[in-house]
N, C-alpha and C. Protein backbone atom coordinates (compact mmCIF):
# COMPACT_ATOMS: atom_id res chain seq x y z
N UNK A 1 12.59 8.03 -8.32
CA UNK A 1 11.37 7.92 -7.58
C UNK A 1 11.41 8.86 -6.38
N UNK A 2 10.74 9.94 -6.44
CA UNK A 2 10.72 10.91 -5.28
C UNK A 2 9.48 10.77 -4.46
N UNK A 3 9.57 11.24 -3.27
CA UNK A 3 8.45 11.16 -2.34
C UNK A 3 7.88 12.60 -2.15
N UNK A 4 6.66 12.82 -2.48
CA UNK A 4 6.08 14.21 -2.41
C UNK A 4 6.05 14.79 -1.06
N UNK A 5 5.98 13.92 0.05
CA UNK A 5 5.91 14.47 1.35
C UNK A 5 7.14 14.23 2.22
N UNK A 6 8.01 13.36 1.84
CA UNK A 6 9.14 12.98 2.68
C UNK A 6 8.88 11.80 3.52
N UNK A 7 7.60 11.31 3.52
CA UNK A 7 7.19 10.18 4.34
C UNK A 7 6.58 9.14 3.47
N UNK A 8 7.47 8.33 2.78
CA UNK A 8 6.91 7.33 1.88
C UNK A 8 7.66 6.01 2.12
N UNK A 9 6.95 4.93 1.69
CA UNK A 9 7.54 3.60 1.58
C UNK A 9 7.21 3.05 0.20
N UNK A 10 8.20 2.37 -0.37
CA UNK A 10 7.95 1.69 -1.65
C UNK A 10 7.95 0.16 -1.35
N UNK A 11 6.87 -0.43 -1.78
CA UNK A 11 6.72 -1.89 -1.62
C UNK A 11 6.97 -2.58 -2.95
N UNK A 12 7.84 -3.53 -3.00
CA UNK A 12 8.12 -4.34 -4.18
C UNK A 12 7.56 -5.72 -3.90
N UNK A 13 6.47 -6.10 -4.56
CA UNK A 13 5.79 -7.40 -4.35
C UNK A 13 6.59 -8.43 -5.15
N UNK A 14 6.84 -9.59 -4.51
CA UNK A 14 7.57 -10.63 -5.18
C UNK A 14 6.87 -11.00 -6.52
N UNK A 15 7.64 -11.11 -7.53
CA UNK A 15 7.08 -11.34 -8.90
C UNK A 15 6.33 -12.67 -8.98
N UNK A 16 6.67 -13.63 -8.10
CA UNK A 16 5.90 -14.91 -8.09
C UNK A 16 4.76 -14.97 -7.10
N UNK A 17 4.52 -13.87 -6.32
CA UNK A 17 3.44 -13.91 -5.34
C UNK A 17 2.08 -14.08 -6.02
N UNK A 18 1.35 -15.02 -5.45
CA UNK A 18 -0.08 -15.23 -5.99
C UNK A 18 -1.00 -15.59 -4.90
N UNK A 19 -2.27 -15.39 -5.14
CA UNK A 19 -3.37 -15.74 -4.17
C UNK A 19 -3.58 -17.25 -4.26
N UNK A 20 -4.35 -17.75 -3.36
CA UNK A 20 -4.64 -19.19 -3.26
C UNK A 20 -5.30 -19.78 -4.54
N UNK A 21 -5.97 -18.86 -5.32
CA UNK A 21 -6.59 -19.29 -6.55
C UNK A 21 -5.68 -19.20 -7.79
N UNK A 22 -4.39 -18.80 -7.52
CA UNK A 22 -3.37 -18.75 -8.57
C UNK A 22 -3.29 -17.37 -9.25
N UNK A 23 -4.19 -16.40 -8.96
CA UNK A 23 -4.15 -15.11 -9.47
C UNK A 23 -2.95 -14.35 -8.88
N UNK A 24 -2.23 -13.56 -9.65
CA UNK A 24 -1.07 -12.85 -9.11
C UNK A 24 -1.49 -11.74 -8.11
N UNK A 25 -0.64 -11.51 -7.10
CA UNK A 25 -0.87 -10.42 -6.23
C UNK A 25 -0.29 -9.18 -6.84
N UNK A 26 -1.08 -8.08 -6.84
CA UNK A 26 -0.65 -6.88 -7.59
C UNK A 26 -0.61 -5.66 -6.67
N UNK A 27 0.03 -4.61 -7.22
CA UNK A 27 -0.03 -3.33 -6.46
C UNK A 27 -1.40 -2.81 -6.29
N UNK A 28 -2.30 -3.08 -7.21
CA UNK A 28 -3.68 -2.69 -7.03
C UNK A 28 -4.34 -3.39 -5.87
N UNK A 29 -3.99 -4.65 -5.67
CA UNK A 29 -4.53 -5.34 -4.46
C UNK A 29 -4.06 -4.61 -3.19
N UNK A 30 -2.77 -4.25 -3.15
CA UNK A 30 -2.20 -3.52 -2.01
C UNK A 30 -2.98 -2.19 -1.82
N UNK A 31 -3.20 -1.48 -2.83
CA UNK A 31 -3.92 -0.22 -2.73
C UNK A 31 -5.29 -0.36 -2.20
N UNK A 32 -6.01 -1.36 -2.64
CA UNK A 32 -7.40 -1.70 -2.24
C UNK A 32 -7.38 -1.99 -0.73
N UNK A 33 -6.44 -2.88 -0.28
CA UNK A 33 -6.42 -3.27 1.10
C UNK A 33 -6.10 -2.09 1.98
N UNK A 34 -5.18 -1.29 1.57
CA UNK A 34 -4.81 -0.04 2.35
C UNK A 34 -6.06 0.83 2.48
N UNK A 35 -6.85 0.99 1.44
CA UNK A 35 -8.06 1.80 1.50
C UNK A 35 -9.07 1.24 2.44
N UNK A 36 -9.30 -0.03 2.39
CA UNK A 36 -10.23 -0.72 3.30
C UNK A 36 -9.80 -0.62 4.74
N UNK A 37 -8.57 -0.94 5.00
CA UNK A 37 -8.07 -0.92 6.42
C UNK A 37 -8.00 0.51 6.96
N UNK A 38 -7.78 1.48 6.11
CA UNK A 38 -7.71 2.84 6.56
C UNK A 38 -9.07 3.36 7.08
N UNK A 39 -10.13 2.70 6.65
CA UNK A 39 -11.52 3.12 7.10
C UNK A 39 -12.01 2.36 8.27
N UNK A 40 -11.30 1.46 8.86
CA UNK A 40 -11.73 0.64 9.99
C UNK A 40 -11.24 1.29 11.27
N UNK A 41 -12.20 1.83 12.13
CA UNK A 41 -11.73 2.45 13.36
C UNK A 41 -11.27 1.41 14.38
N UNK A 42 -10.34 1.81 15.21
CA UNK A 42 -9.76 1.01 16.26
C UNK A 42 -8.83 -0.10 15.76
N UNK A 43 -8.56 -1.07 16.58
CA UNK A 43 -7.73 -2.11 16.16
C UNK A 43 -6.32 -1.71 15.92
N UNK A 44 -5.70 -2.45 15.01
CA UNK A 44 -4.25 -2.21 14.74
C UNK A 44 -4.12 -1.57 13.36
N UNK A 45 -5.00 -0.55 13.06
CA UNK A 45 -4.95 0.03 11.72
C UNK A 45 -4.48 1.47 11.73
N UNK A 46 -3.88 1.96 12.82
CA UNK A 46 -3.46 3.33 12.89
C UNK A 46 -2.54 3.73 11.71
N UNK A 47 -1.58 2.94 11.32
CA UNK A 47 -0.73 3.31 10.23
C UNK A 47 -1.49 3.43 8.93
N UNK A 48 -2.49 2.58 8.75
CA UNK A 48 -3.25 2.69 7.51
C UNK A 48 -4.07 3.98 7.44
N UNK A 49 -4.56 4.47 8.55
CA UNK A 49 -5.29 5.71 8.60
C UNK A 49 -4.47 6.95 8.25
N UNK A 50 -3.12 6.79 8.37
CA UNK A 50 -2.21 7.85 8.09
C UNK A 50 -1.74 7.87 6.59
N UNK A 51 -2.21 6.92 5.89
CA UNK A 51 -1.90 6.87 4.43
C UNK A 51 -2.69 7.91 3.67
N UNK A 52 -2.00 8.82 2.96
CA UNK A 52 -2.64 9.80 2.16
C UNK A 52 -2.97 9.32 0.76
N UNK A 53 -2.09 8.52 0.21
CA UNK A 53 -2.26 7.98 -1.15
C UNK A 53 -1.40 6.75 -1.37
N UNK A 54 -1.84 5.91 -2.27
CA UNK A 54 -1.02 4.80 -2.74
C UNK A 54 -0.84 5.00 -4.25
N UNK A 55 0.38 5.13 -4.67
CA UNK A 55 0.68 5.31 -6.08
C UNK A 55 1.12 3.94 -6.65
N UNK A 56 0.43 3.51 -7.64
CA UNK A 56 0.76 2.21 -8.30
C UNK A 56 1.89 2.55 -9.36
N UNK A 57 3.11 2.12 -9.11
CA UNK A 57 4.22 2.45 -9.99
C UNK A 57 4.35 1.45 -11.15
N UNK A 58 4.01 0.21 -10.86
CA UNK A 58 3.88 -0.78 -11.92
C UNK A 58 3.09 -1.96 -11.25
N UNK A 59 2.87 -2.98 -11.98
CA UNK A 59 2.05 -4.10 -11.50
C UNK A 59 2.41 -4.67 -10.18
N UNK A 60 3.71 -4.64 -9.89
CA UNK A 60 4.22 -5.23 -8.60
C UNK A 60 4.91 -4.25 -7.69
N UNK A 61 4.70 -2.91 -7.89
CA UNK A 61 5.34 -1.94 -7.08
C UNK A 61 4.34 -0.86 -6.69
N UNK A 62 4.29 -0.52 -5.41
CA UNK A 62 3.40 0.55 -4.90
C UNK A 62 4.17 1.46 -4.01
N UNK A 63 3.94 2.74 -4.13
CA UNK A 63 4.56 3.77 -3.21
C UNK A 63 3.42 4.24 -2.28
N UNK A 64 3.64 4.15 -0.95
CA UNK A 64 2.66 4.62 -0.01
C UNK A 64 3.11 5.91 0.53
N UNK A 65 2.31 6.92 0.43
CA UNK A 65 2.58 8.26 0.94
C UNK A 65 1.84 8.47 2.24
N UNK A 66 2.56 8.76 3.30
CA UNK A 66 1.93 9.05 4.62
C UNK A 66 1.83 10.53 4.86
N UNK A 67 0.85 10.97 5.61
CA UNK A 67 0.62 12.35 5.94
C UNK A 67 1.54 12.80 7.06
N UNK A 68 2.09 11.85 7.84
CA UNK A 68 2.97 12.17 8.94
C UNK A 68 3.84 10.97 9.19
N UNK A 69 4.98 11.09 9.86
CA UNK A 69 5.83 9.95 10.20
C UNK A 69 5.06 8.93 10.93
N UNK A 70 5.32 7.68 10.63
CA UNK A 70 4.69 6.59 11.37
C UNK A 70 5.67 5.49 11.56
């Protein structure tokens, strides 16, 4: 698993993680949330605005690529 920019984090979601309705938490949920928070100005979202892409590696694994160190 390589990082295209040198500034990446890989998130491994607990296999048993689920939402309050019982649906599993997935890497797609993480990507969606990162996209929404990246578009909100101000607040505590600076790190999200530096995300260039979220790669879904499997159902429970996401790689976040940053444009600059954060």
